[in-house]
N, C-alpha and C. Protein backbone atom coordinates (compact mmCIF):
# COMPACT_ATOMS: atom_id res chain seq x y z
N MET A 1 14.54 8.82 18.98
CA MET A 1 13.59 8.09 18.96
C MET A 1 14.94 7.25 18.12
N SER A 2 14.40 5.69 17.91
CA SER A 2 15.61 4.88 17.44
C SER A 2 15.17 4.92 15.64
N PHE A 3 14.04 5.11 14.87
CA PHE A 3 14.04 4.96 13.49
C PHE A 3 14.04 6.30 12.46
N ASN A 4 13.47 6.11 11.48
CA ASN A 4 13.33 7.29 10.50
C ASN A 4 11.69 7.48 10.93
N PRO A 5 11.54 9.30 10.70
CA PRO A 5 10.19 9.40 11.43
C PRO A 5 9.35 8.81 10.24
N VAL A 6 9.75 8.41 8.68
CA VAL A 6 8.53 8.60 7.76
C VAL A 6 8.69 7.06 7.43
N ASN A 7 7.38 6.01 7.48
CA ASN A 7 7.66 5.25 6.85
C ASN A 7 6.51 4.69 5.58
N TRP A 8 6.35 5.61 5.09
CA TRP A 8 5.27 5.21 4.30
C TRP A 8 4.94 6.44 3.66
N PHE A 9 4.39 6.64 2.01
CA PHE A 9 3.63 7.60 1.75
C PHE A 9 2.45 7.03 0.45
N GLU A 10 1.98 8.05 0.11
CA GLU A 10 0.54 7.67 -0.64
C GLU A 10 0.76 8.66 -1.63
N ILE A 11 -0.34 8.61 -2.83
CA ILE A 11 0.24 9.59 -3.85
C ILE A 11 -1.68 9.22 -4.42
N TYR A 12 -2.46 10.01 -4.31
CA TYR A 12 -3.81 9.82 -4.29
C TYR A 12 -4.16 9.91 -5.88
N VAL A 13 -5.22 8.97 -6.78
CA VAL A 13 -5.00 9.31 -7.77
C VAL A 13 -6.89 8.65 -8.10
N ASP A 14 -7.21 9.12 -9.46
CA ASP A 14 -8.95 9.49 -9.56
C ASP A 14 -8.49 8.18 -10.19
N ASP A 15 -7.71 7.94 -11.02
CA ASP A 15 -8.08 6.90 -12.31
C ASP A 15 -6.73 5.62 -12.63
N MET A 16 -7.33 4.63 -11.35
CA MET A 16 -6.22 3.80 -11.31
C MET A 16 -5.30 3.68 -11.82
N ALA A 17 -6.02 2.39 -13.13
CA ALA A 17 -5.34 1.99 -14.37
C ALA A 17 -4.17 3.10 -14.86
N ARG A 18 -4.98 4.26 -15.59
CA ARG A 18 -3.67 5.71 -15.74
C ARG A 18 -2.22 5.65 -14.70
N ALA A 19 -2.89 5.70 -13.91
CA ALA A 19 -1.66 6.16 -12.93
C ALA A 19 -0.76 4.64 -12.71
N ARG A 20 -1.30 3.40 -13.04
CA ARG A 20 -0.17 2.71 -12.58
C ARG A 20 0.56 2.50 -13.99
N ARG A 21 -0.49 2.44 -15.03
CA ARG A 21 0.59 2.82 -15.84
C ARG A 21 1.37 3.01 -16.10
N PHE A 22 1.58 4.98 -15.86
CA PHE A 22 2.29 6.11 -15.76
C PHE A 22 3.66 5.58 -15.26
N TYR A 23 3.32 5.33 -13.54
CA TYR A 23 4.72 5.20 -13.14
C TYR A 23 5.51 3.70 -12.89
N GLU A 24 4.46 2.89 -13.86
CA GLU A 24 5.16 1.84 -13.90
C GLU A 24 5.91 1.53 -15.24
N THR A 25 5.57 2.84 -16.22
CA THR A 25 7.00 3.17 -17.22
C THR A 25 7.52 4.26 -17.00
N VAL A 26 7.36 4.89 -16.14
CA VAL A 26 8.22 5.57 -15.46
C VAL A 26 9.32 5.26 -14.80
N LEU A 27 9.08 4.57 -13.82
CA LEU A 27 9.55 3.59 -13.18
C LEU A 27 10.36 2.62 -13.68
N LYS A 28 10.37 2.38 -14.58
CA LYS A 28 10.34 0.67 -14.54
C LYS A 28 10.36 -0.06 -13.48
N ARG A 29 9.17 0.08 -12.83
CA ARG A 29 8.93 -1.36 -11.82
C ARG A 29 7.20 -1.60 -12.35
N THR A 30 7.33 -2.94 -11.13
CA THR A 30 5.78 -3.31 -11.21
C THR A 30 4.96 -2.78 -9.97
N LEU A 31 3.84 -2.48 -10.04
CA LEU A 31 3.47 -2.35 -8.81
C LEU A 31 2.21 -3.50 -8.79
N SER A 32 2.06 -3.40 -7.61
CA SER A 32 1.12 -5.16 -7.15
C SER A 32 0.25 -4.82 -6.00
N GLN A 33 -1.13 -5.10 -6.01
CA GLN A 33 -2.44 -4.55 -5.16
C GLN A 33 -2.00 -5.12 -3.87
N LEU A 34 -2.63 -4.30 -2.86
CA LEU A 34 -2.35 -4.69 -1.48
C LEU A 34 -3.12 -4.45 -1.31
N PRO A 35 -4.22 -5.83 -0.44
CA PRO A 35 -5.54 -6.09 -0.28
C PRO A 35 -5.52 -5.06 0.84
N SER A 36 -7.15 -4.04 0.99
CA SER A 36 -7.03 -3.40 2.36
C SER A 36 -8.70 -3.29 2.19
N PRO A 37 -9.22 -2.83 3.42
CA PRO A 37 -10.49 -2.80 3.40
C PRO A 37 -10.88 -1.30 2.94
N ASP A 38 -11.87 -1.26 2.09
CA ASP A 38 -12.57 0.34 1.40
C ASP A 38 -11.53 0.69 0.68
N ILE A 39 -10.00 0.67 0.11
CA ILE A 39 -9.43 1.27 -0.40
C ILE A 39 -8.32 0.25 -1.24
N GLU A 40 -8.38 1.50 -2.95
CA GLU A 40 -8.26 0.41 -3.62
C GLU A 40 -6.02 0.81 -3.53
N MET A 41 -5.51 -0.10 -3.48
CA MET A 41 -4.05 0.22 -3.26
C MET A 41 -3.08 -0.30 -4.12
N TRP A 42 -2.20 0.02 -4.57
CA TRP A 42 -0.96 -0.45 -5.37
C TRP A 42 0.11 -0.38 -4.73
N VAL A 43 1.09 -0.98 -4.53
CA VAL A 43 2.29 -0.84 -4.30
C VAL A 43 3.10 -0.98 -4.59
N PHE A 44 4.31 -0.30 -4.51
CA PHE A 44 5.56 0.03 -5.39
C PHE A 44 6.52 -1.26 -4.47
N ASP A 45 7.06 -1.84 -5.52
CA ASP A 45 8.10 -2.90 -4.69
C ASP A 45 9.15 -2.09 -3.49
N ALA A 46 9.12 -3.09 -2.90
CA ALA A 46 10.08 -2.33 -1.29
C ALA A 46 9.86 -3.28 -0.61
N THR A 47 11.45 -3.46 0.21
CA THR A 47 11.87 -4.32 1.07
C THR A 47 12.37 -3.51 2.39
N PRO A 48 11.66 -4.10 3.52
CA PRO A 48 11.57 -3.27 4.56
C PRO A 48 12.74 -3.57 5.84
N ASP A 49 13.55 -4.21 5.18
CA ASP A 49 15.23 -3.96 5.55
C ASP A 49 15.59 -3.04 5.04
N GLN A 50 15.63 -2.29 4.07
CA GLN A 50 16.44 -1.71 3.50
C GLN A 50 15.95 -0.02 3.65
N PRO A 51 16.83 0.96 3.92
CA PRO A 51 16.89 2.44 4.01
C PRO A 51 15.64 2.68 2.77
N GLY A 52 14.82 3.96 3.20
CA GLY A 52 14.00 4.32 2.89
C GLY A 52 12.48 3.66 2.83
N ALA A 53 11.69 4.63 2.63
CA ALA A 53 9.58 4.39 2.71
C ALA A 53 9.42 3.93 1.28
N GLY A 54 8.69 2.78 2.35
CA GLY A 54 7.85 2.42 0.97
C GLY A 54 6.27 2.89 0.46
N GLY A 55 5.71 2.32 -0.04
CA GLY A 55 4.30 3.61 -0.37
C GLY A 55 3.46 2.94 -1.69
N SER A 56 2.24 3.76 -2.16
CA SER A 56 1.39 3.28 -3.02
C SER A 56 1.25 4.06 -3.20
N LEU A 57 0.07 3.48 -4.28
CA LEU A 57 -0.72 5.18 -5.40
C LEU A 57 -2.33 3.74 -4.58
N VAL A 58 -2.92 5.13 -4.19
CA VAL A 58 -4.34 4.84 -3.73
C VAL A 58 -5.41 5.49 -4.35
N HIS A 59 -6.34 4.98 -4.77
CA HIS A 59 -7.81 5.27 -4.85
C HIS A 59 -8.61 5.05 -3.59
N TYR A 60 -9.18 6.80 -3.32
CA TYR A 60 -10.11 6.88 -1.39
C TYR A 60 -10.92 7.27 -1.93
N GLU A 61 -12.26 7.25 -2.39
CA GLU A 61 -13.30 7.73 -2.22
C GLU A 61 -13.12 8.84 -1.73
N GLY A 62 -13.22 10.18 -2.23
CA GLY A 62 -13.31 11.58 -1.09
C GLY A 62 -12.17 12.33 -1.05
N LEU A 63 -10.92 11.56 -1.68
CA LEU A 63 -9.80 12.39 -1.74
C LEU A 63 -9.33 12.33 -3.39
N LYS A 64 -9.05 13.68 -3.63
CA LYS A 64 -8.88 13.54 -4.67
C LYS A 64 -7.51 13.72 -4.91
N ALA A 65 -7.24 13.46 -6.65
CA ALA A 65 -5.53 13.33 -7.36
C ALA A 65 -5.32 14.99 -6.86
N GLY A 66 -4.25 15.24 -7.90
CA GLY A 66 -4.01 16.35 -7.70
C GLY A 66 -3.72 17.48 -6.49
N GLY A 67 -3.11 18.90 -6.80
CA GLY A 67 -2.44 19.34 -5.41
C GLY A 67 -1.94 18.81 -3.91
N ALA A 68 -2.90 19.00 -3.27
CA ALA A 68 -2.36 18.00 -1.82
C ALA A 68 -2.69 16.33 -1.76
N SER A 69 -2.27 15.85 -3.02
CA SER A 69 -2.84 14.35 -3.28
C SER A 69 -1.44 13.37 -2.79
N THR A 70 -0.62 13.48 -2.79
CA THR A 70 0.56 12.79 -1.90
C THR A 70 0.56 13.07 -0.35
N ILE A 71 0.59 11.99 0.71
CA ILE A 71 0.00 12.09 2.06
C ILE A 71 1.83 10.88 2.58
N VAL A 72 2.59 11.62 3.43
CA VAL A 72 3.36 11.21 3.83
C VAL A 72 3.07 10.60 5.71
N TYR A 73 3.27 9.90 5.81
CA TYR A 73 2.89 8.95 7.27
C TYR A 73 3.83 9.02 7.98
N PHE A 74 3.70 8.98 9.70
CA PHE A 74 4.90 8.76 10.37
C PHE A 74 5.05 7.48 11.23
N ARG A 75 5.43 7.63 11.23
CA ARG A 75 5.72 6.00 12.54
C ARG A 75 5.44 6.33 13.86
N CYS A 76 4.33 5.37 14.48
CA CYS A 76 3.80 5.54 15.69
C CYS A 76 3.63 4.30 16.51
N GLU A 77 3.64 4.83 17.83
CA GLU A 77 3.76 2.94 18.02
C GLU A 77 2.03 2.77 18.29
N ASP A 78 1.10 4.24 19.16
CA ASP A 78 -0.16 3.52 18.75
C ASP A 78 -0.53 5.43 17.69
N CYS A 79 -0.95 5.63 17.06
CA CYS A 79 -1.63 6.77 15.92
C CYS A 79 -2.47 7.25 17.28
N ALA A 80 -3.48 6.70 17.87
CA ALA A 80 -4.28 7.45 18.02
C ALA A 80 -3.57 8.48 19.43
N VAL A 81 -2.26 7.97 19.88
CA VAL A 81 -1.82 9.06 20.68
C VAL A 81 -2.02 10.37 20.11
N GLU A 82 -0.54 10.31 19.34
CA GLU A 82 -0.31 11.59 17.78
C GLU A 82 -1.44 12.54 17.52
N ALA A 83 -2.33 11.49 17.31
CA ALA A 83 -3.91 11.98 17.05
C ALA A 83 -4.70 12.87 17.99
N SER A 84 -4.28 12.42 19.27
CA SER A 84 -4.65 13.30 19.98
C SER A 84 -4.45 14.67 20.40
N ARG A 85 -3.06 14.48 19.90
CA ARG A 85 -2.20 16.06 19.80
C ARG A 85 -2.97 16.63 18.95
N VAL A 86 -3.01 16.55 17.86
CA VAL A 86 -3.33 17.45 16.35
C VAL A 86 -3.95 19.07 17.10
N GLU A 87 -5.59 18.84 17.26
CA GLU A 87 -6.07 19.76 17.64
C GLU A 87 -5.53 20.76 18.43
N ALA A 88 -4.63 20.46 19.79
CA ALA A 88 -3.99 20.87 21.18
C ALA A 88 -3.00 21.81 19.85
N ALA A 89 -2.62 21.37 18.91
CA ALA A 89 -1.27 21.99 18.44
C ALA A 89 -1.96 22.82 17.53
N GLY A 90 -2.96 23.38 17.18
CA GLY A 90 -3.52 23.68 15.80
C GLY A 90 -4.06 22.80 14.81
N GLY A 91 -4.02 22.04 14.18
CA GLY A 91 -4.06 21.18 13.17
C GLY A 91 -5.70 20.71 13.33
N ARG A 92 -5.71 19.75 12.29
CA ARG A 92 -7.26 18.86 12.86
C ARG A 92 -7.52 17.61 12.22
N ILE A 93 -7.82 17.10 13.08
CA ILE A 93 -8.32 15.59 12.62
C ILE A 93 -9.12 15.19 11.61
N HIS A 94 -8.95 14.94 10.12
CA HIS A 94 -10.00 14.26 8.69
C HIS A 94 -10.13 12.82 8.99
N LYS A 95 -9.73 12.11 9.71
CA LYS A 95 -10.15 11.11 9.88
C LYS A 95 -9.33 9.85 11.09
N PRO A 96 -10.41 9.90 11.99
CA PRO A 96 -9.55 9.07 13.44
C PRO A 96 -8.86 7.57 12.90
N LYS A 97 -8.51 7.41 14.09
CA LYS A 97 -7.42 6.05 14.09
C LYS A 97 -8.63 5.21 13.54
N MET A 98 -8.22 4.55 12.29
CA MET A 98 -8.81 3.26 11.57
C MET A 98 -8.47 1.85 11.44
N SER A 99 -8.67 0.86 11.10
CA SER A 99 -7.98 -0.22 10.71
C SER A 99 -7.37 -0.17 9.54
N ILE A 100 -6.38 -0.81 9.34
CA ILE A 100 -6.10 -0.75 7.37
C ILE A 100 -5.81 -2.90 7.69
N GLY A 101 -6.84 -3.07 8.07
CA GLY A 101 -6.65 -4.79 7.93
C GLY A 101 -5.03 -5.06 8.72
N PRO A 102 -4.76 -6.37 8.12
CA PRO A 102 -3.31 -6.63 8.50
C PRO A 102 -2.20 -6.41 8.61
N TYR A 103 -2.51 -4.69 8.09
CA TYR A 103 -1.27 -3.88 8.07
C TYR A 103 -0.90 -2.59 8.81
N GLY A 104 -2.37 -2.96 9.97
CA GLY A 104 -2.50 -2.15 11.34
C GLY A 104 -3.01 -1.09 11.09
N PHE A 105 -3.17 0.28 11.77
CA PHE A 105 -3.81 1.11 11.93
C PHE A 105 -3.09 2.51 11.28
N ILE A 106 -4.46 3.56 10.90
CA ILE A 106 -3.20 4.70 10.24
C ILE A 106 -4.65 5.97 10.79
N ALA A 107 -4.42 7.22 11.27
CA ALA A 107 -5.09 8.35 11.06
C ALA A 107 -4.77 9.48 10.74
N LEU A 108 -5.25 10.48 9.95
CA LEU A 108 -5.21 11.18 8.87
C LEU A 108 -5.45 13.02 9.93
N ALA A 109 -4.75 13.24 9.75
CA ALA A 109 -4.74 15.20 10.13
C ALA A 109 -4.59 15.88 8.95
N VAL A 110 -4.81 17.06 9.21
CA VAL A 110 -4.47 18.19 9.03
C VAL A 110 -3.38 19.46 9.34
N ASP A 111 -2.36 20.05 9.25
CA ASP A 111 -1.38 20.07 9.94
C ASP A 111 -1.76 22.34 9.29
N THR A 112 -1.44 23.21 10.24
CA THR A 112 -1.76 24.30 10.59
C THR A 112 -1.66 25.08 9.00
N GLU A 113 -0.63 23.98 7.94
CA GLU A 113 -0.88 25.11 6.67
C GLU A 113 -1.61 24.34 5.76
N GLY A 114 -2.56 23.61 6.43
CA GLY A 114 -3.69 22.55 5.30
C GLY A 114 -3.70 21.55 5.13
N ASN A 115 -2.04 21.06 4.79
CA ASN A 115 -1.65 19.75 4.22
C ASN A 115 -2.21 18.82 4.97
N MET A 116 -2.37 17.77 4.94
CA MET A 116 -2.57 16.59 5.52
C MET A 116 -1.18 15.22 5.42
N PHE A 117 -1.92 15.24 6.68
CA PHE A 117 -0.01 13.61 6.89
C PHE A 117 -0.95 12.42 7.67
N GLY A 118 -0.70 11.42 7.44
CA GLY A 118 -0.77 10.68 7.65
C GLY A 118 -0.12 10.32 9.63
N LEU A 119 -0.42 9.19 9.89
CA LEU A 119 0.27 8.40 11.48
C LEU A 119 -0.61 6.87 11.10
N HIS A 120 0.99 6.29 11.72
CA HIS A 120 0.76 4.87 11.22
C HIS A 120 1.12 4.29 12.21
N SER A 121 0.26 3.10 13.24
CA SER A 121 0.88 2.18 13.71
C SER A 121 0.27 0.69 13.78
N MET A 122 1.01 -0.18 14.55
CA MET A 122 0.45 -1.77 13.96
C MET A 122 -0.51 -2.01 15.43
N ALA A 123 -0.34 -1.53 16.02
CA ALA A 123 -1.06 -1.70 17.17
C ALA A 123 -1.92 -0.13 17.17
């Protein structure tokens, strides 16, 4: 592959205002809201052509903060392809491929150790 495999991270929160205040204070960065259907997201500033992964704080009904509340997303051509391999490899699909509007598509899966991770694609 010709790119770094991780391209996004999410930190799940229960109280977005409190979490934003914490990260903006600690990191001295201003987060901005990312319009997304059904999910409240506030992103850390990032430059796509620079090294490193972008990410956000997320409030999503059904995913609680604490414990396993940070998700790493792996870049894919079509996240449905990688998601189709999850169960055969011993994991399970938490959320099949779904649209996140103009930001592409994601699928959420759980590995053999119980860790949730994400798959992201533009198609």
